[in-house]
C-alpha cells in the first residue's frame, strides 16, 4: 500500500513538474515576444524622432536618436540609411558608407540605400563605383526612378571623360522624366564644357524655370554666365552671376560667381 501511495505521489509530482515546465516555457515565449515588440516600438520611436530632428537641421541630436534606434533594432535597414544621412551631414563619408552597405546587406533590394550610396560615391569622386551602383539600379525592373540612375551614371561618365556615353544616358533620363532638373543641369554643363554654348543655354535656362533647389539655380546661373561670355554677351553674363550671388551668397556657386564678377568688371 505504501509503495502504491509513493508511486502515485511520484506520478503526481512528475505531472506537476511537467505542467510547470510547459507553463514556464510558455511564459518565456510570451515574454520574448513582448520584449521584441517593445524593442521594435522603441526603435521606431527613436527613428521618428531622429528623422524629425534632421528635417529641422538638428543633425547632432538626430544622429543620437538614430544611434539609440539602432541599439534597439540593428537589423532595420531604414535606420541604417538614416544613420548614413546623418553622418553625411556631419561630413563623415566613411561612416555613412558603412551604414549604407549594412542596409544593403540586410535588404539588397533597398533602392533608396543604393541610390544614396551612388550619390555618396559621386560626392567623393569615386566615379567607377558610382557607375557600377547606377547600373545595378538601371538593370532592376522594379526600380521606380530609373531617370535618377541614368543621370548618376552620366555624371560619373562625364567626370571620366566619356562624353558621348554621358550625353546618351542624360537623354535617356529626360525621355523618362523630361523635367528632371539634375539631368538638364548636367546636360547644360556637358555642352558648356564641350564648347557648345548655344546647346548649353536652353538646358540651363530650363533649370531656372523649374522648381530646382537654390544651389542648382546658382550653379545654372554660373554656367549660363560662362556660356554668354563665350558668345560675347557680357551684360547677360554679369546678370546671371549677380543672380547666382543673390541665390546662394554663402554657397559654393555664389562665391564662385562673386569671383567671376571681379574678373568681368
Protein backbone atom coordinates (compact mmCIF):
# COMPACT_ATOMS: atom_id res chain seq x y z
CA UNK A 1 0.00 0.00 0.00
CA UNK A 2 2.76 2.41 0.97
CA UNK A 3 4.57 1.50 -2.21
CA UNK A 4 1.44 2.29 -4.29
CA UNK A 5 0.97 5.59 -2.44
CA UNK A 6 4.57 6.54 -3.04
CA UNK A 7 4.19 5.58 -6.68
CA UNK A 8 1.03 7.70 -7.01
CA UNK A 9 2.69 10.64 -5.27
CA UNK A 10 5.68 10.33 -7.59
CA UNK A 11 3.43 10.26 -10.65
CA UNK A 12 1.52 13.32 -9.43
CA UNK A 13 4.82 15.14 -8.73
CA UNK A 14 6.18 14.32 -12.18
CA UNK A 15 2.94 15.51 -13.79
CA UNK A 16 3.08 18.73 -11.78
CA UNK A 17 6.70 19.30 -12.84
CA UNK A 18 5.76 18.70 -16.48
CA UNK A 19 2.91 21.20 -16.26
CA UNK A 20 5.19 23.72 -14.56
CA UNK A 21 7.82 23.31 -17.27
CA UNK A 22 5.25 23.80 -20.02
CA UNK A 23 3.85 26.86 -18.24
CA UNK A 24 7.34 28.30 -17.71
CA UNK A 25 8.25 27.73 -21.36
CA UNK A 26 5.03 29.38 -22.45
CA UNK A 27 5.75 32.39 -20.21
CA UNK A 28 9.27 32.72 -21.60
CA UNK A 29 7.99 32.60 -25.16
CA UNK A 30 5.34 35.20 -24.40
CA UNK A 31 7.88 37.39 -22.60
CA UNK A 32 10.28 37.18 -25.55
CA UNK A 33 7.51 38.27 -27.90
CA UNK A 34 6.66 41.18 -25.60
CA UNK A 35 10.34 42.17 -25.37
CA UNK A 36 10.74 42.08 -29.16
CA UNK A 37 7.62 44.16 -29.69
CA UNK A 38 8.76 46.68 -27.08
CA UNK A 39 12.21 46.96 -28.65
CA UNK A 40 10.66 47.43 -32.10
CA UNK A 41 8.41 50.19 -30.75
CA UNK A 42 11.36 51.90 -29.06
CA UNK A 43 13.39 51.66 -32.26
CA UNK A 44 10.58 53.24 -34.27
CA UNK A 45 10.09 55.99 -31.70
CA UNK A 46 13.77 56.96 -31.71
CA UNK A 47 13.93 56.65 -35.51
CA UNK A 48 10.98 59.01 -35.97
CA UNK A 49 12.50 61.49 -33.52
CA UNK A 50 15.87 61.30 -35.27
CA UNK A 51 14.38 61.96 -38.70
CA UNK A 52 12.33 64.86 -37.32
CA UNK A 53 15.45 66.44 -35.79
CA UNK A 54 17.36 66.08 -39.06
CA UNK A 55 14.50 67.55 -41.08
CA UNK A 56 14.77 70.60 -38.85
CA UNK A 57 18.55 70.88 -39.20
CA UNK A 58 19.43 69.39 -35.79
CA UNK A 59 21.81 66.77 -37.14
CA UNK A 60 23.80 66.06 -33.96
CA UNK A 61 20.62 65.39 -31.97
CA UNK A 62 19.19 63.42 -34.87
CA UNK A 63 22.28 61.24 -35.02
CA UNK A 64 21.99 60.49 -31.30
CA UNK A 65 18.37 59.39 -31.67
CA UNK A 66 19.19 57.22 -34.67
CA UNK A 67 22.02 55.52 -32.81
CA UNK A 68 19.57 54.77 -30.00
CA UNK A 69 17.15 53.38 -32.59
CA UNK A 70 19.90 51.13 -33.93
CA UNK A 71 20.65 49.82 -30.43
CA UNK A 72 17.06 48.54 -30.21
CA UNK A 73 16.88 47.20 -33.79
CA UNK A 74 20.22 46.86 -35.60
CA UNK A 75 18.56 44.93 -38.45
CA UNK A 76 16.23 47.70 -39.63
CA UNK A 77 17.62 48.92 -42.98
CA UNK A 78 15.73 52.24 -42.71
CA UNK A 79 17.64 53.07 -39.54
CA UNK A 80 20.91 52.30 -41.32
CA UNK A 81 20.02 54.69 -44.16
CA UNK A 82 19.01 57.36 -41.63
CA UNK A 83 22.36 56.98 -39.87
CA UNK A 84 24.17 57.29 -43.21
CA UNK A 85 22.35 60.53 -43.96
CA UNK A 86 23.18 61.91 -40.52
CA UNK A 87 26.86 61.07 -40.93
CA UNK A 88 26.94 62.64 -44.39
CA UNK A 89 25.59 65.90 -42.96
CA UNK A 90 28.44 65.80 -40.45
CA UNK A 91 30.99 65.28 -43.21
CA UNK A 92 31.75 61.67 -42.28
CA UNK A 93 31.53 59.86 -45.60
CA UNK A 94 33.33 56.72 -44.39
CA UNK A 95 30.80 56.14 -41.60
CA UNK A 96 27.94 56.88 -44.00
CA UNK A 97 29.23 54.27 -46.45
CA UNK A 98 29.42 51.64 -43.69
CA UNK A 99 25.75 52.12 -42.82
CA UNK A 100 24.58 52.15 -46.45
CA UNK A 101 26.43 48.92 -47.15
CA UNK A 102 24.93 47.44 -43.99
CA UNK A 103 21.44 48.43 -45.17
CA UNK A 104 22.04 46.66 -48.48
CA UNK A 105 23.42 43.62 -46.68
CA UNK A 106 20.18 43.42 -44.70
CA UNK A 107 17.95 44.21 -47.68
CA UNK A 108 19.72 44.00 -51.07
CA UNK A 109 16.71 45.43 -52.96
CA UNK A 110 16.53 48.61 -50.88
CA UNK A 111 16.53 51.15 -53.73
CA UNK A 112 16.95 54.24 -51.56
CA UNK A 113 20.04 52.79 -49.92
CA UNK A 114 21.66 52.00 -53.27
CA UNK A 115 20.71 55.39 -54.73
CA UNK A 116 22.20 57.14 -51.69
CA UNK A 117 25.34 55.03 -51.98
CA UNK A 118 25.64 56.14 -55.61
CA UNK A 119 25.30 59.75 -54.52
CA UNK A 120 27.96 59.28 -51.86
CA UNK A 121 30.39 57.87 -54.43
CA UNK A 122 29.69 60.82 -56.74
CA UNK A 123 30.28 63.30 -53.92
CA UNK A 124 33.60 61.67 -53.05
CA UNK A 125 34.82 61.34 -56.64
CA UNK A 126 34.60 57.54 -56.80
CA UNK A 127 33.33 57.54 -60.37
CA UNK A 128 33.68 53.86 -61.25
CA UNK A 129 31.91 52.73 -58.09
CA UNK A 130 29.14 55.26 -58.68
CA UNK A 131 28.72 53.96 -62.23
CA UNK A 132 28.58 50.36 -61.03
CA UNK A 133 25.85 51.10 -58.45
CA UNK A 134 23.88 53.10 -61.02
CA UNK A 135 23.94 50.20 -63.47
CA UNK A 136 22.53 47.87 -60.80
CA UNK A 137 19.55 50.22 -60.42
CA UNK A 138 19.13 50.60 -64.19
CA UNK A 139 19.06 46.83 -64.60
CA UNK A 140 16.45 46.44 -61.83
CA UNK A 141 12.97 46.49 -63.42
CA UNK A 142 11.38 47.24 -60.04
CA UNK A 143 13.32 50.50 -59.51
CA UNK A 144 10.75 53.29 -60.00
CA UNK A 145 13.16 56.21 -60.56
CA UNK A 146 15.29 54.93 -63.43
CA UNK A 147 15.94 58.51 -64.68
CA UNK A 148 17.84 59.16 -61.45
CA UNK A 149 20.11 56.20 -62.10
CA UNK A 150 20.70 57.25 -65.72
CA UNK A 151 21.64 60.75 -64.52
CA UNK A 152 24.03 59.48 -61.85
CA UNK A 153 25.66 57.15 -64.37
CA UNK A 154 26.00 60.06 -66.79
CA UNK A 155 27.65 62.26 -64.16
CA UNK A 156 30.18 59.52 -63.40
CA UNK A 157 30.87 59.07 -67.12
CA UNK A 158 31.22 62.82 -67.69
CA UNK A 159 33.83 63.06 -64.95
CA UNK A 160 35.72 60.17 -66.56
CA UNK A 161 35.71 61.91 -69.95
CA UNK A 162 33.13 59.58 -71.51
CA UNK A 163 31.25 62.45 -73.15
CA UNK A 164 29.19 60.54 -75.73
CA UNK A 165 28.07 57.88 -73.24
CA UNK A 166 27.21 60.57 -70.73
CA UNK A 167 25.13 62.56 -73.22
CA UNK A 168 23.29 59.41 -74.31
CA UNK A 169 22.35 58.47 -70.75
CA UNK A 170 21.25 62.02 -69.94
CA UNK A 171 19.00 61.99 -72.97
CA UNK A 172 17.54 58.68 -71.76
CA UNK A 173 16.94 60.25 -68.35
CA UNK A 174 14.99 63.11 -69.91
CA UNK A 175 12.98 60.66 -72.02
CA UNK A 176 11.72 59.07 -68.82
CA UNK A 177 11.33 62.39 -66.97
CA UNK A 178 11.54 65.49 -69.22
CA UNK A 179 11.62 67.98 -66.35
CA UNK A 180 14.16 66.21 -64.15
CA UNK A 181 16.38 69.20 -63.42
CA UNK A 182 19.54 67.28 -62.35
CA UNK A 183 19.67 65.71 -65.82
CA UNK A 184 19.04 69.06 -67.52
CA UNK A 185 21.68 70.77 -65.41
CA UNK A 186 24.21 68.06 -66.23
CA UNK A 187 23.37 68.31 -69.94
CA UNK A 188 23.96 72.07 -69.75
CA UNK A 189 27.30 71.56 -68.05
CA UNK A 190 28.29 68.86 -70.54
CA UNK A 191 27.52 71.05 -73.55
CA UNK A 192 29.22 74.05 -71.97
CA UNK A 193 32.38 72.06 -71.24
CA UNK A 194 32.26 70.66 -74.79
CA UNK A 195 32.43 74.24 -76.14
CA UNK A 196 28.81 74.28 -77.33
CA UNK A 197 27.29 77.31 -75.52
CA UNK A 198 24.27 77.59 -77.81
CA UNK A 199 23.30 74.00 -76.98
CA UNK A 200 24.01 74.51 -73.26
CA UNK A 201 21.86 77.61 -72.73
CA UNK A 202 18.37 76.05 -73.24
CA UNK A 203 19.10 73.28 -70.74
CA UNK A 204 20.41 75.72 -68.13
CA UNK A 205 17.54 78.14 -68.61
CA UNK A 206 15.09 75.27 -68.14
CA UNK A 207 16.71 74.52 -64.76
CA UNK A 208 15.92 78.08 -63.70
CA UNK A 209 12.29 77.70 -64.80
CA UNK A 210 11.78 74.51 -62.78
CA UNK A 211 11.49 74.28 -59.01
CA UNK A 212 15.08 73.25 -58.50
CA UNK A 213 16.93 73.77 -55.25
CA UNK A 214 18.77 77.10 -54.69
CA UNK A 215 22.25 75.61 -55.15
CA UNK A 216 21.17 74.17 -58.52
CA UNK A 217 19.79 77.51 -59.67
CA UNK A 218 23.02 79.23 -58.62
CA UNK A 219 25.09 76.66 -60.49
CA UNK A 220 22.91 77.02 -63.59
CA UNK A 221 23.33 80.80 -63.47
CA UNK A 222 27.10 80.41 -63.19
CA UNK A 223 27.29 78.15 -66.24
CA UNK A 224 24.91 80.41 -68.14
CA UNK A 225 27.36 83.23 -67.47
CA UNK A 226 30.17 81.11 -68.90
CA UNK A 227 28.09 80.34 -71.99
CA UNK A 228 27.24 84.01 -72.55
CA UNK A 229 30.88 85.05 -72.10
CA UNK A 230 31.80 82.51 -74.78
CA UNK A 231 29.21 84.13 -77.07
CA UNK A 232 30.39 87.66 -76.23
CA UNK A 233 27.27 88.58 -74.24
CA UNK A 234 28.96 90.29 -71.30
CA UNK A 235 25.89 92.04 -69.87
CA UNK A 236 23.86 88.83 -69.77
CA UNK A 237 26.78 87.03 -68.16
CA UNK A 238 27.02 89.67 -65.43
CA UNK A 239 23.26 89.45 -64.79
CA UNK A 240 23.43 85.69 -64.31
CA UNK A 241 26.41 85.94 -61.97
CA UNK A 242 24.62 88.53 -59.85
CA UNK A 243 21.61 86.24 -59.66
CA UNK A 244 23.82 83.36 -58.51
CA UNK A 245 25.28 85.53 -55.75
CA UNK A 246 21.80 86.57 -54.59
CA UNK A 247 20.53 82.98 -54.69
CA UNK A 248 23.30 81.43 -52.55
CA UNK A 249 25.55 84.21 -51.18
CA UNK A 250 27.36 81.82 -48.84
CA UNK A 251 27.25 78.80 -51.12
CA UNK A 252 29.89 77.39 -53.44
CA UNK A 253 28.38 78.82 -56.63
CA UNK A 254 27.57 82.16 -55.06
CA UNK A 255 31.20 82.56 -54.05
CA UNK A 256 32.48 81.39 -57.44
CA UNK A 257 30.15 83.85 -59.13
CA UNK A 258 31.43 86.68 -56.95
CA UNK A 259 34.98 85.86 -58.03
CA UNK A 260 33.93 85.68 -61.69
CA UNK A 261 32.25 89.09 -61.40
CA UNK A 262 35.54 90.60 -60.23
CA UNK A 263 37.18 89.36 -63.45
CA UNK A 264 34.42 90.73 -65.69
CA UNK A 265 34.20 94.16 -64.05
